[in-house]
Amino acid sequence: MMKKNLTLAVLVVAALALPNLSRSHEGSFKDADTIPPFGPHGGRTLKLTRHFAEVVVKKSTVDVYILERDVKTVASDASGVTLSAAIPGKNAKSIPLSKKGDGYTGAYIAPPSARRVIFTVNCVLDGKNETGTLQHEPRK
């Protein structure tokens, strides 16, 4: 009898928890403290002041997408998009960007000794400057 009650209690707890788990991955990210791990282009996301950015690091390039607050659509009104990369203990270097589709792309190869690169994205949206940083660990 006790085993049956314990099994029933576990099932009830699981049934109550499952709907909350499935809801955590759907919808938009309106909560300012919630940053989804990956953006719609497969890159890592970072929080700007009021919007989001997505950074996609490839072998020799970095792509940047400025995203709306829903983290699903590209903010078409972003301007002045800049990207810099810094290795801890060294000065940041600006990465020249050019427009590519609905994002921006720039040439970048992390030094072989780099364990971590800090990317900083800046842009202007709705007439206001927005900035954010992302830590990237290059794969060896």
N, C-alpha and C. Protein backbone atom coordinates (compact mmCIF):
# COMPACT_ATOMS: atom_id res chain seq x y z
N MET A 1 0.82 -1.19 0.00
CA MET A 1 0.00 0.00 0.00
C MET A 1 0.87 1.27 0.00
N MET A 2 1.93 1.26 0.80
CA MET A 2 2.81 2.41 0.88
C MET A 2 3.54 2.63 -0.45
N LYS A 3 3.92 1.55 -1.11
CA LYS A 3 4.59 1.63 -2.40
C LYS A 3 3.64 2.25 -3.44
N LYS A 4 2.36 1.88 -3.37
CA LYS A 4 1.37 2.41 -4.31
C LYS A 4 1.18 3.91 -4.10
N ASN A 5 1.14 4.37 -2.83
CA ASN A 5 0.99 5.79 -2.53
C ASN A 5 2.20 6.59 -2.99
N LEU A 6 3.39 6.02 -2.82
CA LEU A 6 4.62 6.70 -3.25
C LEU A 6 4.63 6.82 -4.78
N THR A 7 4.25 5.78 -5.47
CA THR A 7 4.20 5.81 -6.93
C THR A 7 3.19 6.85 -7.40
N LEU A 8 2.04 6.89 -6.76
CA LEU A 8 1.02 7.87 -7.11
C LEU A 8 1.51 9.29 -6.87
N ALA A 9 2.21 9.52 -5.77
CA ALA A 9 2.75 10.85 -5.46
C ALA A 9 3.78 11.28 -6.51
N VAL A 10 4.64 10.36 -6.95
CA VAL A 10 5.64 10.67 -7.97
C VAL A 10 4.95 11.02 -9.29
N LEU A 11 3.92 10.28 -9.64
CA LEU A 11 3.19 10.55 -10.88
C LEU A 11 2.50 11.92 -10.85
N VAL A 12 1.95 12.28 -9.71
CA VAL A 12 1.28 13.58 -9.58
C VAL A 12 2.30 14.71 -9.72
N VAL A 13 3.42 14.58 -9.06
CA VAL A 13 4.46 15.61 -9.16
C VAL A 13 4.95 15.72 -10.61
N ALA A 14 5.18 14.62 -11.28
CA ALA A 14 5.64 14.64 -12.67
C ALA A 14 4.59 15.27 -13.58
N ALA A 15 3.34 14.96 -13.37
CA ALA A 15 2.26 15.51 -14.19
C ALA A 15 2.16 17.03 -14.01
N LEU A 16 2.42 17.51 -12.82
CA LEU A 16 2.37 18.95 -12.57
C LEU A 16 3.60 19.67 -13.15
N ALA A 17 4.74 19.00 -13.16
CA ALA A 17 5.98 19.63 -13.63
C ALA A 17 6.09 19.64 -15.14
N LEU A 18 5.61 18.64 -15.83
CA LEU A 18 5.77 18.53 -17.28
C LEU A 18 5.21 19.72 -18.06
N PRO A 19 4.01 20.20 -17.78
CA PRO A 19 3.53 21.36 -18.54
C PRO A 19 4.43 22.59 -18.39
N ASN A 20 5.00 22.80 -17.21
CA ASN A 20 5.88 23.95 -17.00
C ASN A 20 7.19 23.79 -17.76
N LEU A 21 7.71 22.58 -17.85
CA LEU A 21 8.94 22.35 -18.60
C LEU A 21 8.73 22.62 -20.08
N SER A 22 7.63 22.18 -20.62
CA SER A 22 7.40 22.38 -22.05
C SER A 22 7.16 23.86 -22.37
N ARG A 23 6.58 24.62 -21.47
CA ARG A 23 6.32 26.02 -21.69
C ARG A 23 7.59 26.87 -21.65
N SER A 24 8.63 26.38 -20.99
CA SER A 24 9.83 27.18 -20.83
C SER A 24 10.57 27.40 -22.14
N HIS A 25 10.27 26.63 -23.19
CA HIS A 25 10.98 26.77 -24.46
C HIS A 25 10.13 27.36 -25.56
N GLU A 26 8.91 27.76 -25.29
CA GLU A 26 8.07 28.30 -26.35
C GLU A 26 7.76 29.76 -26.10
N GLY A 27 7.26 30.41 -27.13
CA GLY A 27 6.85 31.81 -26.98
C GLY A 27 8.03 32.74 -27.08
N SER A 28 7.79 34.01 -26.81
CA SER A 28 8.85 35.00 -26.90
C SER A 28 9.52 35.16 -25.55
N PHE A 29 10.64 35.84 -25.56
CA PHE A 29 11.42 36.05 -24.36
C PHE A 29 11.22 37.49 -23.90
N LYS A 30 10.07 37.74 -23.30
CA LYS A 30 9.72 39.09 -22.87
C LYS A 30 10.34 39.42 -21.53
N ASP A 31 10.69 38.39 -20.77
CA ASP A 31 11.32 38.61 -19.48
C ASP A 31 12.74 39.11 -19.72
N ALA A 32 13.07 40.27 -19.19
CA ALA A 32 14.37 40.90 -19.45
C ALA A 32 15.54 40.05 -18.96
N ASP A 33 15.30 39.16 -18.01
CA ASP A 33 16.39 38.34 -17.49
C ASP A 33 16.53 37.01 -18.21
N THR A 34 15.66 36.72 -19.16
CA THR A 34 15.70 35.45 -19.86
C THR A 34 16.42 35.62 -21.20
N ILE A 35 17.53 34.91 -21.34
CA ILE A 35 18.28 34.95 -22.59
C ILE A 35 18.30 33.54 -23.16
N PRO A 36 17.69 33.34 -24.32
CA PRO A 36 17.72 32.01 -24.91
C PRO A 36 19.15 31.68 -25.33
N PRO A 37 19.57 30.42 -25.23
CA PRO A 37 20.96 30.09 -25.54
C PRO A 37 21.33 30.25 -27.01
N PHE A 38 20.40 29.97 -27.91
CA PHE A 38 20.71 30.03 -29.34
C PHE A 38 19.65 30.83 -30.09
N GLY A 39 20.10 31.55 -31.11
CA GLY A 39 19.21 32.36 -31.92
C GLY A 39 18.73 31.61 -33.14
N PRO A 40 17.95 32.28 -33.99
CA PRO A 40 17.35 31.63 -35.15
C PRO A 40 18.36 31.24 -36.24
N HIS A 41 19.59 31.75 -36.15
CA HIS A 41 20.61 31.41 -37.14
C HIS A 41 21.62 30.40 -36.59
N GLY A 42 21.35 29.87 -35.40
CA GLY A 42 22.21 28.86 -34.80
C GLY A 42 23.34 29.41 -33.96
N GLY A 43 23.40 30.73 -33.79
CA GLY A 43 24.47 31.33 -33.00
C GLY A 43 24.06 31.56 -31.56
N ARG A 44 25.00 32.02 -30.76
CA ARG A 44 24.74 32.33 -29.36
C ARG A 44 24.10 33.70 -29.25
N THR A 45 23.20 33.86 -28.32
CA THR A 45 22.51 35.13 -28.14
C THR A 45 23.07 35.91 -26.95
N LEU A 46 22.93 37.21 -27.03
CA LEU A 46 23.33 38.07 -25.93
C LEU A 46 22.30 39.18 -25.79
N LYS A 47 22.18 39.68 -24.59
CA LYS A 47 21.21 40.74 -24.28
C LYS A 47 21.85 42.08 -24.55
N LEU A 48 21.18 42.86 -25.38
CA LEU A 48 21.55 44.26 -25.54
C LEU A 48 20.75 45.04 -24.50
N THR A 49 20.69 46.34 -24.60
CA THR A 49 19.97 47.11 -23.59
C THR A 49 18.49 46.73 -23.56
N ARG A 50 17.83 46.74 -24.74
CA ARG A 50 16.41 46.40 -24.80
C ARG A 50 16.11 45.31 -25.82
N HIS A 51 17.05 44.96 -26.63
CA HIS A 51 16.87 43.94 -27.67
C HIS A 51 17.89 42.83 -27.44
N PHE A 52 18.05 41.98 -28.44
CA PHE A 52 19.02 40.90 -28.38
C PHE A 52 19.90 40.94 -29.62
N ALA A 53 21.06 40.29 -29.55
CA ALA A 53 21.92 40.10 -30.71
C ALA A 53 22.29 38.63 -30.75
N GLU A 54 22.60 38.18 -31.94
CA GLU A 54 23.06 36.80 -32.13
C GLU A 54 24.42 36.85 -32.80
N VAL A 55 25.37 36.11 -32.26
CA VAL A 55 26.72 36.04 -32.81
C VAL A 55 26.98 34.61 -33.26
N VAL A 56 27.28 34.46 -34.56
CA VAL A 56 27.57 33.15 -35.14
C VAL A 56 29.05 33.13 -35.50
N VAL A 57 29.84 32.35 -34.76
CA VAL A 57 31.28 32.27 -34.99
C VAL A 57 31.56 31.08 -35.88
N LYS A 58 32.23 31.34 -37.02
CA LYS A 58 32.61 30.29 -37.95
C LYS A 58 34.14 30.21 -37.98
N LYS A 59 34.69 29.40 -38.87
CA LYS A 59 36.15 29.22 -38.91
C LYS A 59 36.90 30.54 -39.06
N SER A 60 36.51 31.35 -40.02
CA SER A 60 37.26 32.59 -40.27
C SER A 60 36.37 33.83 -40.33
N THR A 61 35.10 33.69 -39.96
CA THR A 61 34.19 34.83 -39.97
C THR A 61 33.31 34.84 -38.72
N VAL A 62 32.74 36.00 -38.47
CA VAL A 62 31.76 36.16 -37.40
C VAL A 62 30.56 36.87 -38.01
N ASP A 63 29.37 36.31 -37.83
CA ASP A 63 28.14 36.93 -38.30
C ASP A 63 27.39 37.49 -37.10
N VAL A 64 26.79 38.66 -37.28
CA VAL A 64 26.04 39.31 -36.21
C VAL A 64 24.64 39.63 -36.72
N TYR A 65 23.65 39.29 -35.93
CA TYR A 65 22.25 39.60 -36.24
C TYR A 65 21.68 40.35 -35.05
N ILE A 66 21.05 41.49 -35.31
CA ILE A 66 20.38 42.24 -34.26
C ILE A 66 18.92 41.78 -34.27
N LEU A 67 18.44 41.29 -33.13
CA LEU A 67 17.13 40.67 -33.04
C LEU A 67 16.13 41.53 -32.26
N GLU A 68 14.89 41.41 -32.66
CA GLU A 68 13.80 42.07 -31.92
C GLU A 68 13.67 41.41 -30.55
N ARG A 69 12.79 41.94 -29.74
CA ARG A 69 12.61 41.43 -28.38
C ARG A 69 12.05 40.01 -28.34
N ASP A 70 11.43 39.55 -29.44
CA ASP A 70 10.91 38.18 -29.46
C ASP A 70 12.02 37.17 -29.75
N VAL A 71 13.21 37.61 -30.06
CA VAL A 71 14.40 36.80 -30.35
C VAL A 71 14.18 35.87 -31.54
N LYS A 72 13.21 36.17 -32.37
CA LYS A 72 12.93 35.33 -33.53
C LYS A 72 13.11 36.09 -34.83
N THR A 73 12.89 37.41 -34.80
CA THR A 73 12.95 38.20 -36.03
C THR A 73 14.11 39.20 -35.96
N VAL A 74 14.64 39.52 -37.13
CA VAL A 74 15.75 40.46 -37.22
C VAL A 74 15.21 41.88 -37.16
N ALA A 75 15.88 42.73 -36.40
CA ALA A 75 15.48 44.13 -36.28
C ALA A 75 16.00 44.87 -37.51
N SER A 76 15.12 45.17 -38.44
CA SER A 76 15.52 45.77 -39.71
C SER A 76 15.93 47.23 -39.56
N ASP A 77 15.57 47.87 -38.46
CA ASP A 77 15.88 49.29 -38.28
C ASP A 77 17.17 49.53 -37.49
N ALA A 78 17.98 48.48 -37.27
CA ALA A 78 19.24 48.65 -36.56
C ALA A 78 20.24 49.38 -37.45
N SER A 79 21.00 50.27 -36.87
CA SER A 79 22.04 50.98 -37.63
C SER A 79 23.29 51.09 -36.77
N GLY A 80 24.39 51.45 -37.41
CA GLY A 80 25.64 51.64 -36.68
C GLY A 80 26.11 50.40 -35.96
N VAL A 81 25.91 49.22 -36.56
CA VAL A 81 26.28 47.95 -35.90
C VAL A 81 27.81 47.81 -35.92
N THR A 82 28.39 47.62 -34.74
CA THR A 82 29.83 47.39 -34.63
C THR A 82 30.10 46.16 -33.78
N LEU A 83 31.26 45.57 -33.99
CA LEU A 83 31.67 44.38 -33.25
C LEU A 83 33.13 44.51 -32.89
N SER A 84 33.46 44.17 -31.65
CA SER A 84 34.86 44.12 -31.24
C SER A 84 35.11 42.80 -30.53
N ALA A 85 36.37 42.38 -30.55
CA ALA A 85 36.76 41.14 -29.90
C ALA A 85 37.94 41.43 -28.98
N ALA A 86 37.89 40.88 -27.77
CA ALA A 86 38.96 41.06 -26.81
C ALA A 86 39.34 39.72 -26.21
N ILE A 87 40.63 39.52 -26.09
CA ILE A 87 41.15 38.36 -25.37
C ILE A 87 41.47 38.89 -23.97
N PRO A 88 41.07 38.20 -22.91
CA PRO A 88 41.34 38.71 -21.55
C PRO A 88 42.81 39.11 -21.39
N GLY A 89 43.01 40.31 -20.87
CA GLY A 89 44.35 40.83 -20.65
C GLY A 89 44.92 41.59 -21.84
N LYS A 90 44.19 41.65 -22.94
CA LYS A 90 44.66 42.37 -24.13
C LYS A 90 43.60 43.38 -24.55
N ASN A 91 44.01 44.34 -25.37
CA ASN A 91 43.08 45.36 -25.85
C ASN A 91 42.10 44.78 -26.85
N ALA A 92 40.90 45.33 -26.86
CA ALA A 92 39.87 44.91 -27.81
C ALA A 92 40.24 45.39 -29.21
N LYS A 93 39.90 44.57 -30.20
CA LYS A 93 40.14 44.93 -31.60
C LYS A 93 38.79 45.01 -32.31
N SER A 94 38.62 46.09 -33.06
CA SER A 94 37.40 46.27 -33.83
C SER A 94 37.41 45.33 -35.02
N ILE A 95 36.27 44.72 -35.30
CA ILE A 95 36.12 43.83 -36.45
C ILE A 95 35.25 44.56 -37.47
N PRO A 96 35.81 44.95 -38.61
CA PRO A 96 35.00 45.62 -39.63
C PRO A 96 33.88 44.70 -40.12
N LEU A 97 32.66 45.24 -40.17
CA LEU A 97 31.50 44.46 -40.59
C LEU A 97 30.97 44.98 -41.92
N SER A 98 30.42 44.07 -42.70
CA SER A 98 29.71 44.45 -43.92
C SER A 98 28.34 43.78 -43.89
N LYS A 99 27.37 44.43 -44.53
CA LYS A 99 26.00 43.91 -44.56
C LYS A 99 25.97 42.62 -45.37
N LYS A 100 25.30 41.61 -44.84
CA LYS A 100 25.15 40.32 -45.52
C LYS A 100 23.76 39.79 -45.22
N GLY A 101 22.87 39.81 -46.22
CA GLY A 101 21.50 39.37 -45.99
C GLY A 101 20.83 40.22 -44.93
N ASP A 102 20.29 39.58 -43.91
CA ASP A 102 19.64 40.34 -42.83
C ASP A 102 20.55 40.53 -41.62
N GLY A 103 21.85 40.30 -41.82
CA GLY A 103 22.81 40.48 -40.74
C GLY A 103 24.06 41.17 -41.23
N TYR A 104 25.13 40.98 -40.48
CA TYR A 104 26.42 41.59 -40.78
C TYR A 104 27.49 40.52 -40.63
N THR A 105 28.57 40.64 -41.41
CA THR A 105 29.64 39.65 -41.32
C THR A 105 30.98 40.35 -41.30
N GLY A 106 31.94 39.72 -40.62
CA GLY A 106 33.30 40.25 -40.55
C GLY A 106 34.30 39.11 -40.46
N ALA A 107 35.52 39.37 -40.91
CA ALA A 107 36.58 38.36 -40.86
C ALA A 107 37.18 38.33 -39.46
N TYR A 108 37.29 37.13 -38.89
CA TYR A 108 37.91 37.00 -37.57
C TYR A 108 38.37 35.57 -37.35
N ILE A 109 39.60 35.45 -36.92
CA ILE A 109 40.16 34.16 -36.50
C ILE A 109 40.78 34.38 -35.13
N ALA A 110 40.34 33.62 -34.15
CA ALA A 110 40.88 33.76 -32.80
C ALA A 110 42.32 33.26 -32.79
N PRO A 111 43.20 33.94 -32.05
CA PRO A 111 44.58 33.45 -31.94
C PRO A 111 44.59 32.04 -31.36
N PRO A 112 45.54 31.20 -31.80
CA PRO A 112 45.57 29.82 -31.32
C PRO A 112 45.68 29.69 -29.80
N SER A 113 46.29 30.68 -29.16
CA SER A 113 46.45 30.61 -27.70
C SER A 113 45.21 31.08 -26.93
N ALA A 114 44.23 31.61 -27.63
CA ALA A 114 43.05 32.17 -26.95
C ALA A 114 42.16 31.07 -26.38
N ARG A 115 41.92 31.16 -25.10
CA ARG A 115 40.97 30.24 -24.45
C ARG A 115 39.58 30.83 -24.43
N ARG A 116 39.53 32.16 -24.51
CA ARG A 116 38.25 32.85 -24.42
C ARG A 116 38.34 34.16 -25.20
N VAL A 117 37.26 34.49 -25.87
CA VAL A 117 37.16 35.76 -26.60
C VAL A 117 35.88 36.45 -26.12
N ILE A 118 35.99 37.73 -25.81
CA ILE A 118 34.83 38.52 -25.39
C ILE A 118 34.41 39.38 -26.58
N PHE A 119 33.24 39.10 -27.14
CA PHE A 119 32.70 39.89 -28.23
C PHE A 119 31.79 40.96 -27.64
N THR A 120 31.92 42.19 -28.14
CA THR A 120 31.04 43.29 -27.75
C THR A 120 30.32 43.79 -28.99
N VAL A 121 28.99 43.80 -28.93
CA VAL A 121 28.15 44.27 -30.03
C VAL A 121 27.54 45.60 -29.64
N ASN A 122 27.60 46.57 -30.54
CA ASN A 122 26.97 47.88 -30.35
C ASN A 122 26.09 48.17 -31.56
N CYS A 123 24.98 48.85 -31.33
CA CYS A 123 24.12 49.29 -32.43
C CYS A 123 23.20 50.39 -31.94
N VAL A 124 22.50 51.00 -32.90
CA VAL A 124 21.50 52.01 -32.57
C VAL A 124 20.14 51.47 -33.02
N LEU A 125 19.20 51.44 -32.08
CA LEU A 125 17.83 51.00 -32.35
C LEU A 125 16.88 52.00 -31.72
N ASP A 126 15.87 52.39 -32.47
CA ASP A 126 14.89 53.36 -31.97
C ASP A 126 15.56 54.63 -31.47
N GLY A 127 16.66 55.02 -32.13
CA GLY A 127 17.37 56.24 -31.77
C GLY A 127 18.22 56.14 -30.51
N LYS A 128 18.36 54.95 -29.95
CA LYS A 128 19.12 54.78 -28.72
C LYS A 128 20.23 53.76 -28.91
N ASN A 129 21.38 54.03 -28.30
CA ASN A 129 22.51 53.11 -28.38
C ASN A 129 22.24 51.87 -27.51
N GLU A 130 22.56 50.70 -28.04
CA GLU A 130 22.42 49.45 -27.29
C GLU A 130 23.74 48.70 -27.38
N THR A 131 24.12 48.05 -26.30
CA THR A 131 25.37 47.30 -26.27
C THR A 131 25.22 46.04 -25.44
N GLY A 132 26.05 45.06 -25.73
CA GLY A 132 26.04 43.82 -24.98
C GLY A 132 27.31 43.03 -25.26
N THR A 133 27.64 42.10 -24.37
CA THR A 133 28.84 41.29 -24.53
C THR A 133 28.51 39.80 -24.49
N LEU A 134 29.39 39.03 -25.12
CA LEU A 134 29.25 37.58 -25.17
C LEU A 134 30.62 36.95 -25.02
N GLN A 135 30.72 35.97 -24.15
CA GLN A 135 31.97 35.23 -23.98
C GLN A 135 31.93 34.01 -24.90
N HIS A 136 32.99 33.86 -25.70
CA HIS A 136 33.08 32.73 -26.63
C HIS A 136 34.36 31.95 -26.31
N GLU A 137 34.25 30.63 -26.30
CA GLU A 137 35.42 29.77 -26.09
C GLU A 137 35.72 29.04 -27.37
N PRO A 138 36.80 29.47 -28.09
CA PRO A 138 37.13 28.82 -29.36
C PRO A 138 37.44 27.35 -29.17
N ARG A 139 37.01 26.56 -30.13
CA ARG A 139 37.28 25.12 -30.09
C ARG A 139 38.64 24.86 -30.71
N LYS A 140 39.37 24.02 -30.10
CA LYS A 140 40.71 23.68 -30.61
C LYS A 140 40.65 22.48 -31.52
